[in-house]
Amino acid sequence: MSYPCTRCGLCCQKIQYVPELKNFHNGNGICLYFKADVGCTIYQERPLVCRIDEGYEQLFNNQFSLTDYYLKNAEVCNYMQLEAELPSHYRVKLKDG
């Protein structure tokens, strides 16, 4: 199982709240490597904090279960999507198991 990202791009546009990414934006919160028409232009080399599954294994597996980590990420994703009034097909839906 991996995190079911819907590729809305909002997490790349609000990085001002992520201390590990302070050098990845010019004060506007939008990642320097995010392009609206393409997405992440450094996807294969993106920071660990941007990699949900790898980030969990290396940073958070001693703090949360994988299920709880996914649930918290989905909660944040869906909140940002609602706030930005994105269409509902972008909502992250977690399946049991």
C-alpha atoms as a PDB file:
ATOM      1  CA  MET A   1       0.000   0.000   0.000  1.00  0.00           C
ATOM      2  CA  SER A   2       1.230   3.483  -0.781  1.00  0.00           C
ATOM      3  CA  TYR A   3      -0.283   6.879  -0.113  1.00  0.00           C
ATOM      4  CA  PRO A   4      -2.998   7.659  -2.707  1.00  0.00           C
ATOM      5  CA  CYS A   5      -1.826  11.135  -3.708  1.00  0.00           C
ATOM      6  CA  THR A   6      -4.191  12.792  -6.192  1.00  0.00           C
ATOM      7  CA  ARG A   7      -1.504  15.154  -7.541  1.00  0.00           C
ATOM      8  CA  CYS A   8      -3.404  18.361  -6.830  1.00  0.00           C
ATOM      9  CA  GLY A   9      -0.124  20.180  -6.131  1.00  0.00           C
ATOM     10  CA  LEU A  10      -1.344  22.115  -3.102  1.00  0.00           C
ATOM     11  CA  CYS A  11       1.312  20.678  -0.804  1.00  0.00           C
ATOM     12  CA  CYS A  12       3.917  22.146  -3.189  1.00  0.00           C
ATOM     13  CA  GLN A  13       2.228  25.534  -2.995  1.00  0.00           C
ATOM     14  CA  LYS A  14       2.096  25.854   0.802  1.00  0.00           C
ATOM     15  CA  ILE A  15       5.581  24.836   1.880  1.00  0.00           C
ATOM     16  CA  GLN A  16       6.103  27.908   4.065  1.00  0.00           C
ATOM     17  CA  TYR A  17       4.738  25.809   6.946  1.00  0.00           C
ATOM     18  CA  VAL A  18       7.400  23.094   6.536  1.00  0.00           C
ATOM     19  CA  PRO A  19      10.673  24.093   8.240  1.00  0.00           C
ATOM     20  CA  GLU A  20      12.676  21.518   6.254  1.00  0.00           C
ATOM     21  CA  LEU A  21      11.678  23.313   3.041  1.00  0.00           C
ATOM     22  CA  LYS A  22      12.531  26.884   4.060  1.00  0.00           C
ATOM     23  CA  ASN A  23      15.153  27.159   1.295  1.00  0.00           C
ATOM     24  CA  PHE A  24      12.816  25.850  -1.396  1.00  0.00           C
ATOM     25  CA  HIS A  25      10.671  29.004  -1.778  1.00  0.00           C
ATOM     26  CA  ASN A  26      11.181  32.750  -2.050  1.00  0.00           C
ATOM     27  CA  GLY A  27       8.840  33.699   0.774  1.00  0.00           C
ATOM     28  CA  ASN A  28       5.652  33.055  -1.177  1.00  0.00           C
ATOM     29  CA  GLY A  29       5.285  29.437  -0.035  1.00  0.00           C
ATOM     30  CA  ILE A  30       5.348  27.990  -3.547  1.00  0.00           C
ATOM     31  CA  CYS A  31       8.162  25.540  -4.150  1.00  0.00           C
ATOM     32  CA  LEU A  32      10.730  26.820  -6.623  1.00  0.00           C
ATOM     33  CA  TYR A  33      10.541  23.442  -8.356  1.00  0.00           C
ATOM     34  CA  PHE A  34       6.754  23.303  -8.742  1.00  0.00           C
ATOM     35  CA  LYS A  35       5.280  24.158 -12.129  1.00  0.00           C
ATOM     36  CA  ALA A  36       1.473  24.194 -12.364  1.00  0.00           C
ATOM     37  CA  ASP A  37       1.415  22.509 -15.766  1.00  0.00           C
ATOM     38  CA  VAL A  38       4.004  19.836 -14.882  1.00  0.00           C
ATOM     39  CA  GLY A  39       4.064  19.370 -11.124  1.00  0.00           C
ATOM     40  CA  CYS A  40       7.344  18.726  -9.348  1.00  0.00           C
ATOM     41  CA  THR A  41      10.283  19.274 -11.666  1.00  0.00           C
ATOM     42  CA  ILE A  42      12.654  17.464  -9.275  1.00  0.00           C
ATOM     43  CA  TYR A  43      10.293  14.604  -8.443  1.00  0.00           C
ATOM     44  CA  GLN A  44      12.959  11.872  -8.478  1.00  0.00           C
ATOM     45  CA  GLU A  45      15.265  14.009  -6.287  1.00  0.00           C
ATOM     46  CA  ARG A  46      12.670  15.757  -4.120  1.00  0.00           C
ATOM     47  CA  PRO A  47      13.378  16.178  -0.383  1.00  0.00           C
ATOM     48  CA  LEU A  48      12.600  13.315   1.973  1.00  0.00           C
ATOM     49  CA  VAL A  49       9.842  15.303   3.692  1.00  0.00           C
ATOM     50  CA  CYS A  50       8.051  15.439   0.310  1.00  0.00           C
ATOM     51  CA  ARG A  51       8.108  11.641  -0.028  1.00  0.00           C
ATOM     52  CA  ILE A  52       5.189  10.370   2.025  1.00  0.00           C
ATOM     53  CA  ASP A  53       6.117   6.689   2.141  1.00  0.00           C
ATOM     54  CA  GLU A  54       9.897   7.093   2.410  1.00  0.00           C
ATOM     55  CA  GLY A  55       9.456   9.978   4.828  1.00  0.00           C
ATOM     56  CA  TYR A  56       7.337   7.786   7.056  1.00  0.00           C
ATOM     57  CA  GLU A  57       9.923   4.996   7.092  1.00  0.00           C
ATOM     58  CA  GLN A  58      12.859   7.285   7.838  1.00  0.00           C
ATOM     59  CA  LEU A  59      11.322  10.046   9.941  1.00  0.00           C
ATOM     60  CA  PHE A  60       8.026   9.086  11.534  1.00  0.00           C
ATOM     61  CA  ASN A  61       7.687   5.310  11.917  1.00  0.00           C
ATOM     62  CA  ASN A  62       8.546   5.537  15.618  1.00  0.00           C
ATOM     63  CA  GLN A  63       5.856   8.188  16.202  1.00  0.00           C
ATOM     64  CA  PHE A  64       2.794   6.920  14.294  1.00  0.00           C
ATOM     65  CA  SER A  65       1.423   3.785  12.730  1.00  0.00           C
ATOM     66  CA  LEU A  66       1.427   3.920   8.932  1.00  0.00           C
ATOM     67  CA  THR A  67      -2.378   4.038   8.963  1.00  0.00           C
ATOM     68  CA  ASP A  68      -2.423   7.002  11.355  1.00  0.00           C
ATOM     69  CA  TYR A  69       0.256   8.763   9.300  1.00  0.00           C
ATOM     70  CA  TYR A  70      -1.776   8.310   6.113  1.00  0.00           C
ATOM     71  CA  LEU A  71      -4.937   9.493   7.885  1.00  0.00           C
ATOM     72  CA  LYS A  72      -3.235  12.659   9.138  1.00  0.00           C
ATOM     73  CA  ASN A  73      -1.787  13.387   5.688  1.00  0.00           C
ATOM     74  CA  ALA A  74      -5.189  12.807   4.064  1.00  0.00           C
ATOM     75  CA  GLU A  75      -6.818  15.129   6.599  1.00  0.00           C
ATOM     76  CA  VAL A  76      -4.348  17.915   5.767  1.00  0.00           C
ATOM     77  CA  CYS A  77      -4.604  17.312   2.006  1.00  0.00           C
ATOM     78  CA  ASN A  78      -8.383  17.340   2.025  1.00  0.00           C
ATOM     79  CA  TYR A  79      -8.503  20.449   4.225  1.00  0.00           C
ATOM     80  CA  MET A  80      -6.228  22.346   1.818  1.00  0.00           C
ATOM     81  CA  GLN A  81      -8.331  21.167  -1.126  1.00  0.00           C
ATOM     82  CA  LEU A  82     -11.574  22.309   0.483  1.00  0.00           C
ATOM     83  CA  GLU A  83     -10.015  25.650   1.382  1.00  0.00           C
ATOM     84  CA  ALA A  84      -8.817  26.081  -2.222  1.00  0.00           C
ATOM     85  CA  GLU A  85     -12.240  24.961  -3.523  1.00  0.00           C
ATOM     86  CA  LEU A  86     -10.759  22.203  -5.672  1.00  0.00           C
ATOM     87  CA  PRO A  87     -13.199  19.758  -7.274  1.00  0.00           C
ATOM     88  CA  SER A  88     -14.091  16.774  -5.101  1.00  0.00           C
ATOM     89  CA  HIS A  89     -12.337  14.277  -7.388  1.00  0.00           C
ATOM     90  CA  TYR A  90      -9.052  15.515  -5.866  1.00  0.00           C
ATOM     91  CA  ARG A  91     -10.011  14.377  -2.342  1.00  0.00           C
ATOM     92  CA  VAL A  92      -7.742  11.736  -0.883  1.00  0.00           C
ATOM     93  CA  LYS A  93      -9.670   8.575  -0.113  1.00  0.00           C
ATOM     94  CA  LEU A  94      -8.085   5.886   2.017  1.00  0.00           C
ATOM     95  CA  LYS A  95      -9.130   2.292   1.630  1.00  0.00           C
ATOM     96  CA  ASP A  96      -9.220  -0.094   4.582  1.00  0.00           C
ATOM     97  CA  GLY A  97      -6.346  -2.521   4.776  1.00  0.00           C
END
